[in-house]
Amino acid sequence: MNLSPPTLLRAVRDTLVDPKAAAHGVMGLRLSVAQGLMALALTAVLATLLTALMQAFMGPIDDQAMQDLFNRPFILALSQFALMIVGAALMWRVGQMFGGKGSFAQSLSLVAWLEVVLILLQVAEVVVLLVLPILALPVGFASVFAFFYLLTNFTAALNGFTSLTKTFFAILGTALAVLVLATTALMFILPVPNV
């Protein structure tokens, strides 16, 4: 597989232009679960390195909890790796509940490629912000849109869904359900402060 910078950039461009075709191309690689996990681990390390570079250029952030996490790169990489596995599992398992036909291995490979695209977009975002800081807000909105746009198309391609609108709202519903469950679990785990 050719992973030279020009080829990688062309692949990212093609993914943004036609994400469903790109998703089918990634699934066509037929990566195993082990290979998919290795790809996720690599992207977690790359994302952590990018975070470290951004910290070096822009300095610490105001959120102390997030800054503490950024100061522990191993924990940060491990957290991102775990979140990507959970995301891939949800993309596959929830899709199956609605008649999806994809596999967990395919889901892992799609999440890994999604993360690669997002990392390269984040690099471009940092460059733009360094040159034209006034574009911070529109670039931030564009990044969020790109994430949901790609995630929706990748999820639809994985599961064989034809409606992007239904897929998008299923993703939002799943995210909300996970948030509610996680919040409820934390309420039982964390100690209640004395008033």
C-alpha atoms as a PDB file:
ATOM      1  CA  MET A   1       0.000   0.000   0.000  1.00  0.00           C
ATOM      2  CA  ASN A   2       1.380   3.396  -1.016  1.00  0.00           C
ATOM      3  CA  LEU A   3       1.335   5.756   1.990  1.00  0.00           C
ATOM      4  CA  SER A   4       3.382   8.590   0.502  1.00  0.00           C
ATOM      5  CA  PRO A   5       2.169  12.123   1.434  1.00  0.00           C
ATOM      6  CA  PRO A   6       0.780  12.929  -2.062  1.00  0.00           C
ATOM      7  CA  THR A   7      -1.144   9.643  -2.167  1.00  0.00           C
ATOM      8  CA  LEU A   8      -2.438  10.158   1.369  1.00  0.00           C
ATOM      9  CA  LEU A   9      -3.597  13.700   0.594  1.00  0.00           C
ATOM     10  CA  ARG A  10      -5.354  12.516  -2.570  1.00  0.00           C
ATOM     11  CA  ALA A  11      -7.087   9.811  -0.526  1.00  0.00           C
ATOM     12  CA  VAL A  12      -8.242  12.402   2.009  1.00  0.00           C
ATOM     13  CA  ARG A  13      -9.527  14.651  -0.792  1.00  0.00           C
ATOM     14  CA  ASP A  14     -11.370  11.725  -2.381  1.00  0.00           C
ATOM     15  CA  THR A  15     -12.844  10.825   1.017  1.00  0.00           C
ATOM     16  CA  LEU A  16     -14.239  14.330   1.469  1.00  0.00           C
ATOM     17  CA  VAL A  17     -15.635  14.391  -2.087  1.00  0.00           C
ATOM     18  CA  ASP A  18     -17.186  10.897  -2.026  1.00  0.00           C
ATOM     19  CA  PRO A  19     -17.074   9.434   1.506  1.00  0.00           C
ATOM     20  CA  LYS A  20     -19.236   6.405   0.703  1.00  0.00           C
ATOM     21  CA  ALA A  21     -16.924   5.315  -2.121  1.00  0.00           C
ATOM     22  CA  ALA A  22     -13.934   5.886   0.167  1.00  0.00           C
ATOM     23  CA  ALA A  23     -15.585   3.775   2.875  1.00  0.00           C
ATOM     24  CA  HIS A  24     -16.123   0.914   0.435  1.00  0.00           C
ATOM     25  CA  GLY A  25     -12.477   1.221  -0.590  1.00  0.00           C
ATOM     26  CA  VAL A  26     -11.348   0.951   3.041  1.00  0.00           C
ATOM     27  CA  MET A  27     -13.626  -2.034   3.666  1.00  0.00           C
ATOM     28  CA  GLY A  28     -12.266  -3.586   0.471  1.00  0.00           C
ATOM     29  CA  LEU A  29      -8.858  -3.834   2.173  1.00  0.00           C
ATOM     30  CA  ARG A  30     -10.393  -6.646   4.265  1.00  0.00           C
ATOM     31  CA  LEU A  31      -8.382  -5.881   7.392  1.00  0.00           C
ATOM     32  CA  SER A  32      -8.725  -8.358  10.236  1.00  0.00           C
ATOM     33  CA  VAL A  33      -9.803  -7.313  13.727  1.00  0.00           C
ATOM     34  CA  ALA A  34      -6.162  -7.452  14.871  1.00  0.00           C
ATOM     35  CA  GLN A  35      -5.062  -5.246  11.964  1.00  0.00           C
ATOM     36  CA  GLY A  36      -7.922  -2.841  12.648  1.00  0.00           C
ATOM     37  CA  LEU A  37      -6.871  -2.567  16.296  1.00  0.00           C
ATOM     38  CA  MET A  38      -3.286  -1.907  15.221  1.00  0.00           C
ATOM     39  CA  ALA A  39      -4.507   0.855  12.904  1.00  0.00           C
ATOM     40  CA  LEU A  40      -6.506   2.387  15.757  1.00  0.00           C
ATOM     41  CA  ALA A  41      -3.481   2.247  18.063  1.00  0.00           C
ATOM     42  CA  LEU A  42      -1.350   4.008  15.439  1.00  0.00           C
ATOM     43  CA  THR A  43      -3.923   6.762  14.928  1.00  0.00           C
ATOM     44  CA  ALA A  44      -4.213   7.231  18.719  1.00  0.00           C
ATOM     45  CA  VAL A  45      -0.445   7.756  18.902  1.00  0.00           C
ATOM     46  CA  LEU A  46      -0.520  10.180  15.940  1.00  0.00           C
ATOM     47  CA  ALA A  47      -3.378  12.144  17.516  1.00  0.00           C
ATOM     48  CA  THR A  48      -1.436  12.356  20.790  1.00  0.00           C
ATOM     49  CA  LEU A  49       1.669  13.601  18.969  1.00  0.00           C
ATOM     50  CA  LEU A  50      -0.432  16.245  17.219  1.00  0.00           C
ATOM     51  CA  THR A  51      -1.852  17.334  20.582  1.00  0.00           C
ATOM     52  CA  ALA A  52       1.687  17.696  21.946  1.00  0.00           C
ATOM     53  CA  LEU A  53       2.702  19.812  18.940  1.00  0.00           C
ATOM     54  CA  MET A  54      -0.367  22.019  19.325  1.00  0.00           C
ATOM     55  CA  GLN A  55       0.482  22.501  23.004  1.00  0.00           C
ATOM     56  CA  ALA A  56       4.022  23.526  22.055  1.00  0.00           C
ATOM     57  CA  PHE A  57       2.726  26.143  19.593  1.00  0.00           C
ATOM     58  CA  MET A  58      -0.315  27.448  21.456  1.00  0.00           C
ATOM     59  CA  GLY A  59       0.530  26.876  25.109  1.00  0.00           C
ATOM     60  CA  PRO A  60      -1.647  25.367  27.853  1.00  0.00           C
ATOM     61  CA  ILE A  61      -5.447  25.592  27.765  1.00  0.00           C
ATOM     62  CA  ASP A  62      -7.722  27.068  30.435  1.00  0.00           C
ATOM     63  CA  ASP A  63      -9.515  23.799  31.286  1.00  0.00           C
ATOM     64  CA  GLN A  64      -7.327  22.333  34.052  1.00  0.00           C
ATOM     65  CA  ALA A  65      -8.809  18.830  33.826  1.00  0.00           C
ATOM     66  CA  MET A  66      -8.132  18.635  30.077  1.00  0.00           C
ATOM     67  CA  GLN A  67      -4.679  20.135  30.544  1.00  0.00           C
ATOM     68  CA  ASP A  68      -3.862  17.468  33.133  1.00  0.00           C
ATOM     69  CA  LEU A  69      -4.880  14.832  30.594  1.00  0.00           C
ATOM     70  CA  PHE A  70      -2.747  16.468  27.872  1.00  0.00           C
ATOM     71  CA  ASN A  71       0.207  16.386  30.276  1.00  0.00           C
ATOM     72  CA  ARG A  72      -0.044  12.576  30.427  1.00  0.00           C
ATOM     73  CA  PRO A  73       0.461  11.479  26.798  1.00  0.00           C
ATOM     74  CA  PHE A  74       0.304   7.745  27.530  1.00  0.00           C
ATOM     75  CA  ILE A  75      -3.055   8.098  29.299  1.00  0.00           C
ATOM     76  CA  LEU A  76      -4.285  10.407  26.526  1.00  0.00           C
ATOM     77  CA  ALA A  77      -3.331   7.914  23.794  1.00  0.00           C
ATOM     78  CA  LEU A  78      -4.877   5.039  25.747  1.00  0.00           C
ATOM     79  CA  SER A  79      -8.085   7.023  26.278  1.00  0.00           C
ATOM     80  CA  GLN A  80      -8.355   7.864  22.583  1.00  0.00           C
ATOM     81  CA  PHE A  81      -7.682   4.230  21.662  1.00  0.00           C
ATOM     82  CA  ALA A  82     -10.434   3.035  24.024  1.00  0.00           C
ATOM     83  CA  LEU A  83     -12.919   5.644  22.761  1.00  0.00           C
ATOM     84  CA  MET A  84     -12.276   4.663  19.149  1.00  0.00           C
ATOM     85  CA  ILE A  85     -12.869   0.982  19.960  1.00  0.00           C
ATOM     86  CA  VAL A  86     -16.155   1.884  21.687  1.00  0.00           C
ATOM     87  CA  GLY A  87     -17.123   4.053  18.704  1.00  0.00           C
ATOM     88  CA  ALA A  88     -16.367   1.242  16.258  1.00  0.00           C
ATOM     89  CA  ALA A  89     -18.310  -1.253  18.372  1.00  0.00           C
ATOM     90  CA  LEU A  90     -21.332   1.061  18.495  1.00  0.00           C
ATOM     91  CA  MET A  91     -21.164   1.757  14.747  1.00  0.00           C
ATOM     92  CA  TRP A  92     -21.237  -1.984  14.091  1.00  0.00           C
ATOM     93  CA  ARG A  93     -23.543  -3.273  16.856  1.00  0.00           C
ATOM     94  CA  VAL A  94     -26.206  -0.560  16.710  1.00  0.00           C
ATOM     95  CA  GLY A  95     -26.139  -0.848  12.924  1.00  0.00           C
ATOM     96  CA  GLN A  96     -26.832  -4.577  13.228  1.00  0.00           C
ATOM     97  CA  MET A  97     -29.840  -3.834  15.431  1.00  0.00           C
ATOM     98  CA  PHE A  98     -31.311  -1.924  12.464  1.00  0.00           C
ATOM     99  CA  GLY A  99     -30.473  -4.584   9.889  1.00  0.00           C
ATOM    100  CA  GLY A 100     -26.879  -3.582   9.156  1.00  0.00           C
ATOM    101  CA  LYS A 101     -24.642  -6.033   7.338  1.00  0.00           C
ATOM    102  CA  GLY A 102     -21.138  -4.796   8.252  1.00  0.00           C
ATOM    103  CA  SER A 103     -18.548  -6.546  10.411  1.00  0.00           C
ATOM    104  CA  PHE A 104     -16.628  -5.380  13.480  1.00  0.00           C
ATOM    105  CA  ALA A 105     -13.350  -5.615  11.545  1.00  0.00           C
ATOM    106  CA  GLN A 106     -14.735  -3.309   8.840  1.00  0.00           C
ATOM    107  CA  SER A 107     -15.972  -0.902  11.489  1.00  0.00           C
ATOM    108  CA  LEU A 108     -12.517  -0.770  13.090  1.00  0.00           C
ATOM    109  CA  SER A 109     -10.866  -0.016   9.752  1.00  0.00           C
ATOM    110  CA  LEU A 110     -13.408   2.728   8.975  1.00  0.00           C
ATOM    111  CA  VAL A 111     -12.934   4.405  12.365  1.00  0.00           C
ATOM    112  CA  ALA A 112      -9.152   4.258  11.892  1.00  0.00           C
ATOM    113  CA  TRP A 113      -9.383   5.938   8.474  1.00  0.00           C
ATOM    114  CA  LEU A 114     -11.860   8.488   9.819  1.00  0.00           C
ATOM    115  CA  GLU A 115      -9.335   9.386  12.514  1.00  0.00           C
ATOM    116  CA  VAL A 116      -6.535   9.722   9.937  1.00  0.00           C
ATOM    117  CA  VAL A 117      -8.660  12.133   7.888  1.00  0.00           C
ATOM    118  CA  LEU A 118      -9.585  14.125  11.009  1.00  0.00           C
ATOM    119  CA  ILE A 119      -5.929  14.335  12.072  1.00  0.00           C
ATOM    120  CA  LEU A 120      -4.898  15.724   8.677  1.00  0.00           C
ATOM    121  CA  LEU A 121      -7.818  18.161   8.729  1.00  0.00           C
ATOM    122  CA  GLN A 122      -6.739  19.263  12.199  1.00  0.00           C
ATOM    123  CA  VAL A 123      -3.217  19.904  10.930  1.00  0.00           C
ATOM    124  CA  ALA A 124      -4.672  22.068   8.143  1.00  0.00           C
ATOM    125  CA  GLU A 125      -6.861  23.818  10.725  1.00  0.00           C
ATOM    126  CA  VAL A 126      -3.842  24.670  12.888  1.00  0.00           C
ATOM    127  CA  VAL A 127      -1.980  26.088   9.877  1.00  0.00           C
ATOM    128  CA  VAL A 128      -4.981  28.232   8.921  1.00  0.00           C
ATOM    129  CA  LEU A 129      -5.396  29.497  12.487  1.00  0.00           C
ATOM    130  CA  LEU A 130      -1.716  30.428  12.723  1.00  0.00           C
ATOM    131  CA  VAL A 131      -1.960  32.413   9.482  1.00  0.00           C
ATOM    132  CA  LEU A 132      -5.495  33.833   9.879  1.00  0.00           C
ATOM    133  CA  PRO A 133      -6.723  33.587  13.510  1.00  0.00           C
ATOM    134  CA  ILE A 134      -9.921  35.420  12.533  1.00  0.00           C
ATOM    135  CA  LEU A 135     -11.084  32.211  10.828  1.00  0.00           C
ATOM    136  CA  ALA A 136     -11.088  30.261  14.128  1.00  0.00           C
ATOM    137  CA  LEU A 137     -14.898  30.101  14.461  1.00  0.00           C
ATOM    138  CA  PRO A 138     -15.808  29.105  10.858  1.00  0.00           C
ATOM    139  CA  VAL A 139     -12.953  26.589  10.747  1.00  0.00           C
ATOM    140  CA  GLY A 140     -14.201  25.088  14.017  1.00  0.00           C
ATOM    141  CA  PHE A 141     -17.730  24.734  12.605  1.00  0.00           C
ATOM    142  CA  ALA A 142     -16.300  23.191   9.423  1.00  0.00           C
ATOM    143  CA  SER A 143     -14.397  20.603  11.487  1.00  0.00           C
ATOM    144  CA  VAL A 144     -17.517  19.576  13.400  1.00  0.00           C
ATOM    145  CA  PHE A 145     -19.494  19.353  10.147  1.00  0.00           C
ATOM    146  CA  ALA A 146     -16.734  17.234   8.533  1.00  0.00           C
ATOM    147  CA  PHE A 147     -16.766  14.817  11.484  1.00  0.00           C
ATOM    148  CA  PHE A 148     -20.524  14.190  11.360  1.00  0.00           C
ATOM    149  CA  TYR A 149     -20.582  14.192   7.549  1.00  0.00           C
ATOM    150  CA  LEU A 150     -17.915  11.482   7.352  1.00  0.00           C
ATOM    151  CA  LEU A 151     -19.225   9.487  10.318  1.00  0.00           C
ATOM    152  CA  THR A 152     -22.731   9.423   8.842  1.00  0.00           C
ATOM    153  CA  ASN A 153     -21.532   8.316   5.410  1.00  0.00           C
ATOM    154  CA  PHE A 154     -19.139   5.713   6.842  1.00  0.00           C
ATOM    155  CA  THR A 155     -21.853   4.284   9.093  1.00  0.00           C
ATOM    156  CA  ALA A 156     -24.301   4.100   6.189  1.00  0.00           C
ATOM    157  CA  ALA A 157     -21.706   2.419   3.950  1.00  0.00           C
ATOM    158  CA  LEU A 158     -20.758  -0.094   6.660  1.00  0.00           C
ATOM    159  CA  ASN A 159     -24.324  -1.176   7.311  1.00  0.00           C
ATOM    160  CA  GLY A 160     -25.749  -0.830   3.812  1.00  0.00           C
ATOM    161  CA  PHE A 161     -28.134   1.965   4.804  1.00  0.00           C
ATOM    162  CA  THR A 162     -29.513   4.186   2.037  1.00  0.00           C
ATOM    163  CA  SER A 163     -30.863   7.104   4.088  1.00  0.00           C
ATOM    164  CA  LEU A 164     -28.179   9.456   5.389  1.00  0.00           C
ATOM    165  CA  THR A 165     -30.788  11.443   7.324  1.00  0.00           C
ATOM    166  CA  LYS A 166     -31.982   8.406   9.283  1.00  0.00           C
ATOM    167  CA  THR A 167     -28.382   7.313   9.829  1.00  0.00           C
ATOM    168  CA  PHE A 168     -27.440  10.755  11.163  1.00  0.00           C
ATOM    169  CA  PHE A 169     -30.335  10.815  13.646  1.00  0.00           C
ATOM    170  CA  ALA A 170     -29.540   7.245  14.713  1.00  0.00           C
ATOM    171  CA  ILE A 171     -25.979   8.398  15.482  1.00  0.00           C
ATOM    172  CA  LEU A 172     -27.292  11.352  17.513  1.00  0.00           C
ATOM    173  CA  GLY A 173     -29.723   9.079  19.361  1.00  0.00           C
ATOM    174  CA  THR A 174     -26.987   6.574  20.155  1.00  0.00           C
ATOM    175  CA  ALA A 175     -24.652   9.333  21.367  1.00  0.00           C
ATOM    176  CA  LEU A 176     -27.400  10.736  23.610  1.00  0.00           C
ATOM    177  CA  ALA A 177     -28.187   7.285  25.039  1.00  0.00           C
ATOM    178  CA  VAL A 178     -24.492   6.629  25.769  1.00  0.00           C
ATOM    179  CA  LEU A 179     -24.189  10.063  27.423  1.00  0.00           C
ATOM    180  CA  VAL A 180     -27.204   9.423  29.653  1.00  0.00           C
ATOM    181  CA  LEU A 181     -25.943   5.946  30.631  1.00  0.00           C
ATOM    182  CA  ALA A 182     -22.421   7.234  31.332  1.00  0.00           C
ATOM    183  CA  THR A 183     -23.763  10.134  33.425  1.00  0.00           C
ATOM    184  CA  THR A 184     -26.038   7.810  35.389  1.00  0.00           C
ATOM    185  CA  ALA A 185     -23.174   5.382  36.012  1.00  0.00           C
ATOM    186  CA  LEU A 186     -20.918   8.195  37.234  1.00  0.00           C
ATOM    187  CA  MET A 187     -23.603   9.341  39.669  1.00  0.00           C
ATOM    188  CA  PHE A 188     -23.462   5.926  41.331  1.00  0.00           C
ATOM    189  CA  ILE A 189     -19.664   5.619  41.183  1.00  0.00           C
ATOM    190  CA  LEU A 190     -18.523   9.070  42.294  1.00  0.00           C
ATOM    191  CA  PRO A 191     -18.968  10.065  45.947  1.00  0.00           C
ATOM    192  CA  VAL A 192     -21.684  12.611  46.732  1.00  0.00           C
ATOM    193  CA  PRO A 193     -20.152  15.759  48.277  1.00  0.00           C
ATOM    194  CA  ASN A 194     -21.397  16.817  51.693  1.00  0.00           C
ATOM    195  CA  VAL A 195     -23.536  19.959  51.592  1.00  0.00           C
END
